[in-house]
Amino acid sequence: MPKTCSRCQTENVDAARNCSNCGAPLTTGTGDANAGSTTSSRRADTPAYKFDAVRWTTADRIAGIASLVLLISLFLSWFSATVGPFSNNESGLSAHAFLYVVMILCIAIIAYLAYRAGWDDVPLTKKVPHLTLMLVATTVNLVLTVIAFIEKPGGVGFNTGIGWDFGAVLALIASIVAAAPFLVPRLRAKTM
């Protein structure tokens, strides 16, 4: 006997435990519903995760890709120094420990956007609006990346032979691109 989903009214095969359309748990009305009533009722309130990139705005897509590039660039060579026959390279994370904050924020941005693509209702955005959340996260990444780019290892007077590598330039560009879709409209609104 086919089971009908109580949420979306889709008919499912008899052996199905979850709806093939919306992912809601299916109950037969016999012993299954009573066996885990509290767990079943909690799961019935939360729809199944269904990735849909249409839920992202253009700004979300730009920030997500740029944050991924920024995350990768933290592990690339940021600074290089050559003294005679010796040369040394340092990644952003090994040169500046505070870039771990940028790494954590990049992972959080990517995870948040993946969460947002799977569910319409994000509990965090009820307290903090989505645009504000993305603006703060990407702006903090931008500020910390600019500071790390400017502050070469070794301090003042010791960095004459230290130059920037590909990772530092890539990180700077990626942090600007990630923050721009959220920061530029706010700056334009304040100047007008």
N, C-alpha and C. Protein backbone atom coordinates (compact mmCIF):
# COMPACT_ATOMS: atom_id res chain seq x y z
N MET A 1 0.85 -1.17 0.00
CA MET A 1 0.00 0.00 0.00
C MET A 1 0.90 1.24 0.00
N PRO A 2 0.74 2.15 -0.96
CA PRO A 2 1.60 3.34 -1.02
C PRO A 2 1.35 4.26 0.16
N LYS A 3 2.42 4.92 0.58
CA LYS A 3 2.32 5.87 1.68
C LYS A 3 2.22 7.27 1.10
N THR A 4 1.33 8.08 1.66
CA THR A 4 1.17 9.47 1.22
C THR A 4 1.83 10.38 2.24
N CYS A 5 2.65 11.29 1.74
CA CYS A 5 3.36 12.23 2.62
C CYS A 5 2.36 13.21 3.21
N SER A 6 2.43 13.41 4.51
CA SER A 6 1.51 14.33 5.17
C SER A 6 1.86 15.79 4.87
N ARG A 7 3.08 16.05 4.45
CA ARG A 7 3.50 17.43 4.18
C ARG A 7 3.17 17.85 2.74
N CYS A 8 3.59 17.04 1.74
CA CYS A 8 3.44 17.48 0.35
C CYS A 8 2.46 16.63 -0.44
N GLN A 9 1.88 15.62 0.18
CA GLN A 9 0.87 14.75 -0.42
C GLN A 9 1.39 13.91 -1.58
N THR A 10 2.68 13.68 -1.64
CA THR A 10 3.27 12.83 -2.67
C THR A 10 3.12 11.37 -2.26
N GLU A 11 2.74 10.51 -3.22
CA GLU A 11 2.64 9.08 -2.93
C GLU A 11 4.02 8.46 -3.07
N ASN A 12 4.40 7.63 -2.07
CA ASN A 12 5.70 6.98 -2.03
C ASN A 12 5.49 5.47 -1.95
N VAL A 13 6.52 4.70 -2.30
CA VAL A 13 6.44 3.25 -2.22
C VAL A 13 6.27 2.83 -0.77
N ASP A 14 5.74 1.65 -0.58
CA ASP A 14 5.40 1.17 0.75
C ASP A 14 6.62 1.05 1.65
N ALA A 15 7.78 0.69 1.11
CA ALA A 15 8.97 0.49 1.93
C ALA A 15 9.70 1.80 2.28
N ALA A 16 9.27 2.91 1.71
CA ALA A 16 9.96 4.19 1.93
C ALA A 16 9.79 4.66 3.37
N ARG A 17 10.87 5.19 3.92
CA ARG A 17 10.82 5.77 5.26
C ARG A 17 10.69 7.29 5.20
N ASN A 18 11.21 7.89 4.12
CA ASN A 18 11.13 9.34 3.92
C ASN A 18 10.49 9.62 2.56
N CYS A 19 9.86 10.77 2.46
CA CYS A 19 9.21 11.19 1.22
C CYS A 19 10.26 11.40 0.13
N SER A 20 9.98 10.92 -1.06
CA SER A 20 10.93 11.07 -2.17
C SER A 20 10.93 12.49 -2.71
N ASN A 21 9.91 13.29 -2.39
CA ASN A 21 9.84 14.66 -2.87
C ASN A 21 10.43 15.67 -1.89
N CYS A 22 9.94 15.63 -0.64
CA CYS A 22 10.39 16.65 0.33
C CYS A 22 11.28 16.11 1.43
N GLY A 23 11.41 14.79 1.55
CA GLY A 23 12.29 14.20 2.55
C GLY A 23 11.69 14.05 3.93
N ALA A 24 10.42 14.40 4.09
CA ALA A 24 9.78 14.28 5.40
C ALA A 24 9.64 12.81 5.78
N PRO A 25 9.74 12.48 7.07
CA PRO A 25 9.57 11.08 7.49
C PRO A 25 8.13 10.63 7.24
N LEU A 26 8.01 9.39 6.78
CA LEU A 26 6.69 8.83 6.51
C LEU A 26 6.30 7.90 7.64
N THR A 27 5.06 7.97 8.06
CA THR A 27 4.55 7.07 9.09
C THR A 27 3.37 6.32 8.53
N THR A 28 3.16 5.10 9.03
CA THR A 28 2.07 4.28 8.53
C THR A 28 0.80 4.44 9.34
N GLY A 29 0.93 5.07 10.51
CA GLY A 29 -0.24 5.21 11.36
C GLY A 29 -0.36 4.07 12.35
N THR A 30 0.52 3.04 12.22
CA THR A 30 0.47 1.92 13.17
C THR A 30 1.52 2.14 14.25
N GLY A 31 2.39 1.20 14.50
CA GLY A 31 3.37 1.30 15.57
C GLY A 31 4.50 2.27 15.28
N ASP A 32 4.79 2.58 14.02
CA ASP A 32 5.93 3.42 13.68
C ASP A 32 5.79 4.84 14.23
N ALA A 33 4.62 5.40 14.18
CA ALA A 33 4.44 6.79 14.59
C ALA A 33 4.61 6.93 16.10
N ASN A 34 4.22 5.91 16.86
CA ASN A 34 4.31 6.00 18.31
C ASN A 34 5.70 5.67 18.82
N ALA A 35 6.48 4.94 18.03
CA ALA A 35 7.79 4.49 18.49
C ALA A 35 8.73 5.65 18.78
N GLY A 36 8.71 6.65 17.97
CA GLY A 36 9.60 7.80 18.18
C GLY A 36 8.86 9.08 17.96
N SER A 37 7.79 9.30 18.69
CA SER A 37 6.91 10.44 18.41
C SER A 37 7.62 11.78 18.57
N THR A 38 8.46 11.93 19.58
CA THR A 38 9.13 13.22 19.75
C THR A 38 10.16 13.44 18.65
N THR A 39 10.92 12.41 18.31
CA THR A 39 11.92 12.54 17.26
C THR A 39 11.24 12.76 15.92
N SER A 40 10.18 12.00 15.67
CA SER A 40 9.47 12.11 14.40
C SER A 40 8.84 13.48 14.23
N SER A 41 8.28 14.04 15.31
CA SER A 41 7.64 15.35 15.19
C SER A 41 8.68 16.45 14.98
N ARG A 42 9.88 16.31 15.57
CA ARG A 42 10.92 17.29 15.35
C ARG A 42 11.42 17.23 13.91
N ARG A 43 11.61 16.02 13.39
CA ARG A 43 12.07 15.88 12.02
C ARG A 43 11.03 16.34 11.03
N ALA A 44 9.76 16.16 11.35
CA ALA A 44 8.70 16.57 10.44
C ALA A 44 8.66 18.09 10.30
N ASP A 45 9.09 18.81 11.34
CA ASP A 45 9.11 20.26 11.27
C ASP A 45 10.24 20.79 10.39
N THR A 46 11.33 20.04 10.31
CA THR A 46 12.49 20.46 9.54
C THR A 46 12.51 19.72 8.21
N PRO A 47 12.45 20.45 7.10
CA PRO A 47 12.50 19.77 5.81
C PRO A 47 13.89 19.19 5.56
N ALA A 48 13.96 18.24 4.67
CA ALA A 48 15.24 17.63 4.33
C ALA A 48 16.11 18.63 3.58
N TYR A 49 17.41 18.46 3.73
CA TYR A 49 18.36 19.33 3.03
C TYR A 49 18.29 19.04 1.54
N LYS A 50 18.09 20.08 0.77
CA LYS A 50 18.03 19.93 -0.68
C LYS A 50 18.79 21.11 -1.29
N PHE A 51 20.00 20.83 -1.78
CA PHE A 51 20.85 21.89 -2.32
C PHE A 51 20.20 22.50 -3.55
N ASP A 52 20.09 23.84 -3.53
CA ASP A 52 19.54 24.58 -4.66
C ASP A 52 20.25 25.92 -4.73
N ALA A 53 21.15 26.05 -5.70
CA ALA A 53 21.96 27.27 -5.82
C ALA A 53 21.13 28.49 -6.21
N VAL A 54 19.88 28.29 -6.59
CA VAL A 54 19.00 29.41 -6.93
C VAL A 54 18.73 30.28 -5.70
N ARG A 55 18.87 29.72 -4.53
CA ARG A 55 18.65 30.48 -3.29
C ARG A 55 19.72 31.53 -3.05
N TRP A 56 20.86 31.41 -3.74
CA TRP A 56 21.94 32.38 -3.59
C TRP A 56 21.71 33.59 -4.48
N THR A 57 22.04 34.75 -3.97
CA THR A 57 22.05 35.95 -4.79
C THR A 57 23.38 36.00 -5.55
N THR A 58 23.49 36.92 -6.49
CA THR A 58 24.75 37.08 -7.21
C THR A 58 25.86 37.45 -6.24
N ALA A 59 25.56 38.29 -5.28
CA ALA A 59 26.56 38.68 -4.27
C ALA A 59 27.01 37.47 -3.45
N ASP A 60 26.09 36.57 -3.12
CA ASP A 60 26.43 35.36 -2.39
C ASP A 60 27.39 34.49 -3.20
N ARG A 61 27.12 34.36 -4.48
CA ARG A 61 27.96 33.52 -5.34
C ARG A 61 29.37 34.11 -5.45
N ILE A 62 29.43 35.41 -5.65
CA ILE A 62 30.74 36.07 -5.75
C ILE A 62 31.51 35.91 -4.45
N ALA A 63 30.85 36.19 -3.33
CA ALA A 63 31.51 36.09 -2.02
C ALA A 63 31.92 34.65 -1.70
N GLY A 64 31.09 33.69 -2.08
CA GLY A 64 31.42 32.29 -1.82
C GLY A 64 32.64 31.82 -2.59
N ILE A 65 32.69 32.14 -3.87
CA ILE A 65 33.84 31.75 -4.69
C ILE A 65 35.10 32.48 -4.25
N ALA A 66 34.97 33.78 -4.00
CA ALA A 66 36.13 34.56 -3.56
C ALA A 66 36.62 34.11 -2.19
N SER A 67 35.72 33.72 -1.30
CA SER A 67 36.13 33.21 0.02
C SER A 67 36.85 31.87 -0.11
N LEU A 68 36.43 31.04 -1.04
CA LEU A 68 37.12 29.79 -1.29
C LEU A 68 38.53 30.04 -1.83
N VAL A 69 38.66 30.99 -2.75
CA VAL A 69 39.97 31.36 -3.28
C VAL A 69 40.85 31.94 -2.17
N LEU A 70 40.27 32.78 -1.32
CA LEU A 70 41.01 33.36 -0.19
C LEU A 70 41.48 32.26 0.75
N LEU A 71 40.62 31.30 1.04
CA LEU A 71 40.99 30.18 1.91
C LEU A 71 42.18 29.41 1.34
N ILE A 72 42.14 29.12 0.06
CA ILE A 72 43.25 28.39 -0.59
C ILE A 72 44.52 29.23 -0.57
N SER A 73 44.39 30.53 -0.81
CA SER A 73 45.57 31.39 -0.90
C SER A 73 46.31 31.52 0.43
N LEU A 74 45.63 31.27 1.54
CA LEU A 74 46.29 31.34 2.85
C LEU A 74 47.40 30.30 2.99
N PHE A 75 47.31 29.23 2.23
CA PHE A 75 48.29 28.15 2.29
C PHE A 75 49.38 28.29 1.24
N LEU A 76 49.23 29.25 0.33
CA LEU A 76 50.25 29.48 -0.70
C LEU A 76 51.36 30.36 -0.15
N SER A 77 52.41 30.51 -0.93
CA SER A 77 53.55 31.34 -0.53
C SER A 77 53.15 32.81 -0.60
N TRP A 78 53.31 33.52 0.53
CA TRP A 78 52.97 34.94 0.62
C TRP A 78 54.21 35.81 0.53
N PHE A 79 55.25 35.39 1.21
CA PHE A 79 56.46 36.21 1.28
C PHE A 79 57.67 35.36 0.92
N SER A 80 58.63 35.99 0.24
CA SER A 80 59.88 35.29 -0.06
C SER A 80 61.03 36.23 0.24
N ALA A 81 62.13 35.64 0.67
CA ALA A 81 63.33 36.42 0.98
C ALA A 81 64.52 35.67 0.41
N THR A 82 65.42 36.43 -0.18
CA THR A 82 66.64 35.86 -0.72
C THR A 82 67.82 36.60 -0.14
N VAL A 83 68.70 35.87 0.50
CA VAL A 83 69.92 36.45 1.06
C VAL A 83 71.08 35.60 0.52
N GLY A 84 71.80 36.16 -0.42
CA GLY A 84 72.90 35.43 -1.05
C GLY A 84 72.37 34.20 -1.76
N PRO A 85 72.92 33.03 -1.48
CA PRO A 85 72.45 31.81 -2.14
C PRO A 85 71.22 31.19 -1.47
N PHE A 86 70.77 31.77 -0.36
CA PHE A 86 69.67 31.19 0.40
C PHE A 86 68.37 31.93 0.09
N SER A 87 67.29 31.17 -0.02
CA SER A 87 65.96 31.78 -0.19
C SER A 87 64.96 31.04 0.70
N ASN A 88 63.94 31.76 1.10
CA ASN A 88 62.93 31.19 1.99
C ASN A 88 61.57 31.75 1.61
N ASN A 89 60.55 30.90 1.67
CA ASN A 89 59.16 31.30 1.40
C ASN A 89 58.32 31.01 2.64
N GLU A 90 57.32 31.86 2.86
CA GLU A 90 56.40 31.64 3.96
C GLU A 90 54.97 31.79 3.46
N SER A 91 54.10 30.90 3.95
CA SER A 91 52.69 31.04 3.63
C SER A 91 52.09 32.13 4.50
N GLY A 92 50.90 32.54 4.18
CA GLY A 92 50.24 33.57 4.98
C GLY A 92 50.02 33.13 6.41
N LEU A 93 49.62 31.87 6.59
CA LEU A 93 49.36 31.36 7.94
C LEU A 93 50.63 31.23 8.77
N SER A 94 51.74 30.89 8.14
CA SER A 94 52.98 30.77 8.91
C SER A 94 53.59 32.14 9.20
N ALA A 95 53.31 33.13 8.35
CA ALA A 95 53.85 34.47 8.56
C ALA A 95 53.04 35.27 9.58
N HIS A 96 51.72 35.07 9.59
CA HIS A 96 50.83 35.84 10.46
C HIS A 96 49.80 34.90 11.10
N ALA A 97 49.91 34.69 12.39
CA ALA A 97 49.00 33.78 13.08
C ALA A 97 47.56 34.30 13.08
N PHE A 98 47.38 35.63 13.00
CA PHE A 98 46.01 36.16 13.03
C PHE A 98 45.24 35.83 11.76
N LEU A 99 45.92 35.32 10.74
CA LEU A 99 45.21 34.91 9.52
C LEU A 99 44.40 33.63 9.73
N TYR A 100 44.59 32.97 10.88
CA TYR A 100 43.72 31.84 11.21
C TYR A 100 42.28 32.33 11.41
N VAL A 101 42.11 33.55 11.84
CA VAL A 101 40.76 34.14 11.94
C VAL A 101 40.14 34.23 10.55
N VAL A 102 40.93 34.64 9.57
CA VAL A 102 40.46 34.72 8.18
C VAL A 102 40.09 33.32 7.69
N MET A 103 40.93 32.33 8.01
CA MET A 103 40.65 30.96 7.60
C MET A 103 39.33 30.48 8.19
N ILE A 104 39.12 30.73 9.48
CA ILE A 104 37.88 30.30 10.14
C ILE A 104 36.68 31.03 9.54
N LEU A 105 36.82 32.33 9.28
CA LEU A 105 35.72 33.08 8.68
C LEU A 105 35.41 32.59 7.27
N CYS A 106 36.42 32.25 6.49
CA CYS A 106 36.20 31.72 5.14
C CYS A 106 35.42 30.41 5.20
N ILE A 107 35.83 29.53 6.11
CA ILE A 107 35.12 28.25 6.27
C ILE A 107 33.69 28.51 6.73
N ALA A 108 33.50 29.46 7.64
CA ALA A 108 32.16 29.78 8.13
C ALA A 108 31.28 30.36 7.02
N ILE A 109 31.84 31.22 6.18
CA ILE A 109 31.09 31.80 5.07
C ILE A 109 30.65 30.71 4.10
N ILE A 110 31.58 29.83 3.75
CA ILE A 110 31.27 28.76 2.80
C ILE A 110 30.22 27.82 3.39
N ALA A 111 30.37 27.45 4.67
CA ALA A 111 29.40 26.57 5.32
C ALA A 111 28.03 27.24 5.43
N TYR A 112 28.02 28.51 5.77
CA TYR A 112 26.76 29.26 5.88
C TYR A 112 26.05 29.32 4.53
N LEU A 113 26.79 29.58 3.47
CA LEU A 113 26.17 29.64 2.13
C LEU A 113 25.68 28.27 1.69
N ALA A 114 26.41 27.21 2.04
CA ALA A 114 25.94 25.86 1.72
C ALA A 114 24.67 25.54 2.50
N TYR A 115 24.62 25.96 3.77
CA TYR A 115 23.43 25.78 4.59
C TYR A 115 22.25 26.55 3.99
N ARG A 116 22.53 27.76 3.57
CA ARG A 116 21.50 28.63 2.99
C ARG A 116 20.97 28.06 1.67
N ALA A 117 21.82 27.38 0.92
CA ALA A 117 21.38 26.79 -0.35
C ALA A 117 20.52 25.55 -0.13
N GLY A 118 20.61 24.94 1.04
CA GLY A 118 19.85 23.73 1.31
C GLY A 118 18.51 23.97 1.96
N TRP A 119 18.40 25.04 2.71
CA TRP A 119 17.15 25.35 3.41
C TRP A 119 16.80 26.81 3.20
N ASP A 120 15.52 27.08 3.06
CA ASP A 120 15.05 28.46 2.92
C ASP A 120 15.19 29.23 4.23
N ASP A 121 14.89 28.56 5.32
CA ASP A 121 14.83 29.20 6.63
C ASP A 121 16.13 28.95 7.38
N VAL A 122 16.92 29.99 7.56
CA VAL A 122 18.17 29.89 8.31
C VAL A 122 17.94 30.57 9.66
N PRO A 123 18.02 29.82 10.77
CA PRO A 123 17.71 30.41 12.09
C PRO A 123 18.56 31.62 12.44
N LEU A 124 19.82 31.64 12.04
CA LEU A 124 20.71 32.74 12.39
C LEU A 124 20.25 34.05 11.76
N THR A 125 19.68 33.98 10.55
CA THR A 125 19.28 35.21 9.87
C THR A 125 18.00 35.81 10.43
N LYS A 126 17.36 35.14 11.38
CA LYS A 126 16.21 35.75 12.05
C LYS A 126 16.68 36.82 13.03
N LYS A 127 17.88 36.59 13.61
CA LYS A 127 18.43 37.55 14.56
C LYS A 127 19.30 38.59 13.88
N VAL A 128 20.11 38.15 12.92
CA VAL A 128 21.01 39.04 12.18
C VAL A 128 20.66 38.91 10.70
N PRO A 129 20.32 40.01 10.03
CA PRO A 129 19.97 39.92 8.61
C PRO A 129 21.13 39.37 7.78
N HIS A 130 20.80 38.65 6.73
CA HIS A 130 21.79 38.01 5.86
C HIS A 130 22.82 39.00 5.33
N LEU A 131 22.37 40.13 4.83
CA LEU A 131 23.30 41.11 4.27
C LEU A 131 24.26 41.65 5.32
N THR A 132 23.78 41.89 6.52
CA THR A 132 24.64 42.38 7.59
C THR A 132 25.67 41.32 7.97
N LEU A 133 25.23 40.08 8.07
CA LEU A 133 26.13 38.98 8.41
C LEU A 133 27.25 38.84 7.37
N MET A 134 26.88 38.86 6.10
CA MET A 134 27.87 38.72 5.03
C MET A 134 28.77 39.95 4.96
N LEU A 135 28.21 41.13 5.17
CA LEU A 135 29.00 42.36 5.15
C LEU A 135 30.07 42.34 6.24
N VAL A 136 29.69 41.96 7.45
CA VAL A 136 30.65 41.94 8.56
C VAL A 136 31.73 40.88 8.32
N ALA A 137 31.34 39.68 7.93
CA ALA A 137 32.32 38.60 7.74
C ALA A 137 33.31 38.92 6.62
N THR A 138 32.82 39.39 5.49
CA THR A 138 33.72 39.68 4.37
C THR A 138 34.57 40.92 4.62
N THR A 139 34.04 41.90 5.35
CA THR A 139 34.82 43.10 5.66
C THR A 139 35.93 42.79 6.66
N VAL A 140 35.65 41.97 7.65
CA VAL A 140 36.69 41.56 8.60
C VAL A 140 37.80 40.83 7.85
N ASN A 141 37.42 39.93 6.95
CA ASN A 141 38.43 39.24 6.14
C ASN A 141 39.26 40.21 5.32
N LEU A 142 38.62 41.21 4.74
CA LEU A 142 39.32 42.20 3.93
C LEU A 142 40.33 42.98 4.78
N VAL A 143 39.89 43.48 5.93
CA VAL A 143 40.77 44.28 6.79
C VAL A 143 41.96 43.46 7.26
N LEU A 144 41.72 42.23 7.73
CA LEU A 144 42.83 41.41 8.21
C LEU A 144 43.79 41.02 7.08
N THR A 145 43.27 40.80 5.90
CA THR A 145 44.13 40.45 4.77
C THR A 145 44.98 41.64 4.34
N VAL A 146 44.41 42.84 4.35
CA VAL A 146 45.18 44.04 4.00
C VAL A 146 46.29 44.26 5.04
N ILE A 147 45.97 44.08 6.31
CA ILE A 147 46.98 44.23 7.36
C ILE A 147 48.10 43.21 7.16
N ALA A 148 47.73 41.96 6.88
CA ALA A 148 48.75 40.92 6.68
C ALA A 148 49.58 41.19 5.43
N PHE A 149 48.96 41.77 4.41
CA PHE A 149 49.68 42.08 3.18
C PHE A 149 50.71 43.18 3.41
N ILE A 150 50.31 44.20 4.16
CA ILE A 150 51.20 45.34 4.41
C ILE A 150 52.31 44.97 5.39
N GLU A 151 51.97 44.22 6.43
CA GLU A 151 52.93 43.88 7.49
C GLU A 151 53.77 42.67 7.07
N LYS A 152 54.94 42.95 6.53
CA LYS A 152 55.84 41.87 6.12
C LYS A 152 56.50 41.28 7.37
N PRO A 153 56.84 39.99 7.33
CA PRO A 153 57.52 39.36 8.48
C PRO A 153 58.88 40.01 8.74
N GLY A 154 59.29 40.00 9.98
CA GLY A 154 60.59 40.53 10.35
C GLY A 154 60.55 41.91 10.94
N GLY A 155 59.45 42.61 10.79
CA GLY A 155 59.32 43.94 11.38
C GLY A 155 60.01 45.01 10.57
N VAL A 156 59.95 46.22 11.07
CA VAL A 156 60.51 47.38 10.39
C VAL A 156 62.03 47.28 10.39
N GLY A 157 62.64 47.53 9.26
CA GLY A 157 64.09 47.52 9.15
C GLY A 157 64.66 46.18 8.73
N PHE A 158 63.92 45.11 8.97
CA PHE A 158 64.40 43.78 8.61
C PHE A 158 63.78 43.26 7.32
N ASN A 159 62.81 43.97 6.77
CA ASN A 159 62.08 43.43 5.64
C ASN A 159 62.54 44.01 4.30
N THR A 160 63.75 44.51 4.22
CA THR A 160 64.21 45.10 2.96
C THR A 160 64.37 44.05 1.87
N GLY A 161 64.74 42.83 2.21
CA GLY A 161 64.91 41.78 1.21
C GLY A 161 63.71 40.88 1.07
N ILE A 162 62.61 41.21 1.74
CA ILE A 162 61.41 40.37 1.70
C ILE A 162 60.44 40.94 0.68
N GLY A 163 59.96 40.07 -0.20
CA GLY A 163 59.00 40.49 -1.23
C GLY A 163 57.73 39.67 -1.16
N TRP A 164 56.70 40.16 -1.82
CA TRP A 164 55.42 39.45 -1.85
C TRP A 164 55.46 38.37 -2.91
N ASP A 165 54.79 37.27 -2.63
CA ASP A 165 54.63 36.19 -3.59
C ASP A 165 53.19 36.15 -4.08
N PHE A 166 52.94 35.18 -4.93
CA PHE A 166 51.64 35.03 -5.59
C PHE A 166 50.49 34.90 -4.59
N GLY A 167 50.69 34.17 -3.50
CA GLY A 167 49.61 33.94 -2.52
C GLY A 167 49.10 35.22 -1.88
N ALA A 168 50.00 36.15 -1.58
CA ALA A 168 49.61 37.41 -0.94
C ALA A 168 48.77 38.26 -1.89
N VAL A 169 49.19 38.32 -3.15
CA VAL A 169 48.45 39.12 -4.13
C VAL A 169 47.09 38.48 -4.40
N LEU A 170 47.06 37.16 -4.53
CA LEU A 170 45.80 36.45 -4.75
C LEU A 170 44.85 36.65 -3.57
N ALA A 171 45.37 36.58 -2.35
CA ALA A 171 44.53 36.77 -1.15
C ALA A 171 43.97 38.19 -1.09
N LEU A 172 44.78 39.16 -1.43
CA LEU A 172 44.32 40.55 -1.42
C LEU A 172 43.20 40.76 -2.42
N ILE A 173 43.38 40.24 -3.63
CA ILE A 173 42.35 40.37 -4.67
C ILE A 173 41.08 39.63 -4.25
N ALA A 174 41.22 38.40 -3.74
CA ALA A 174 40.06 37.61 -3.35
C ALA A 174 39.29 38.26 -2.21
N SER A 175 39.99 38.85 -1.24
CA SER A 175 39.28 39.50 -0.12
C SER A 175 38.54 40.74 -0.59
N ILE A 176 39.11 41.47 -1.55
CA ILE A 176 38.42 42.65 -2.10
C ILE A 176 37.18 42.21 -2.87
N VAL A 177 37.32 41.18 -3.69
CA VAL A 177 36.19 40.69 -4.49
C VAL A 177 35.09 40.14 -3.60
N ALA A 178 35.44 39.45 -2.50
CA ALA A 178 34.43 38.89 -1.60
C ALA A 178 33.64 39.98 -0.88
N ALA A 179 34.31 41.05 -0.49
CA ALA A 179 33.64 42.11 0.26
C ALA A 179 32.91 43.11 -0.63
N ALA A 180 33.36 43.29 -1.85
CA ALA A 180 32.81 44.33 -2.73
C ALA A 180 31.30 44.27 -2.93
N PRO A 181 30.68 43.10 -3.20
CA PRO A 181 29.23 43.09 -3.43
C PRO A 181 28.40 43.54 -2.23
N PHE A 182 28.96 43.47 -1.04
CA PHE A 182 28.23 43.88 0.15
C PHE A 182 28.65 45.27 0.63
N LEU A 183 29.90 45.61 0.41
CA LEU A 183 30.46 46.87 0.91
C LEU A 183 30.17 48.04 -0.03
N VAL A 184 30.31 47.85 -1.32
CA VAL A 184 30.13 48.95 -2.28
C VAL A 184 28.72 49.53 -2.25
N PRO A 185 27.64 48.71 -2.27
CA PRO A 185 26.30 49.31 -2.20
C PRO A 185 26.06 50.12 -0.92
N ARG A 186 26.63 49.67 0.20
CA ARG A 186 26.48 50.42 1.45
C ARG A 186 27.21 51.75 1.38
N LEU A 187 28.41 51.74 0.81
CA LEU A 187 29.18 52.99 0.67
C LEU A 187 28.49 53.95 -0.28
N ARG A 188 27.93 53.43 -1.37
CA ARG A 188 27.21 54.31 -2.32
C ARG A 188 25.98 54.92 -1.68
N ALA A 189 25.28 54.14 -0.88
CA ALA A 189 24.06 54.65 -0.22
C ALA A 189 24.39 55.76 0.77
N LYS A 190 25.55 55.67 1.42
CA LYS A 190 25.92 56.69 2.38
C LYS A 190 26.40 57.98 1.71
N THR A 191 26.96 57.88 0.52
CA THR A 191 27.47 59.06 -0.16
C THR A 191 26.37 59.81 -0.92
N MET A 192 25.28 59.18 -1.16
CA MET A 192 24.19 59.84 -1.92
C MET A 192 23.20 60.47 -1.01
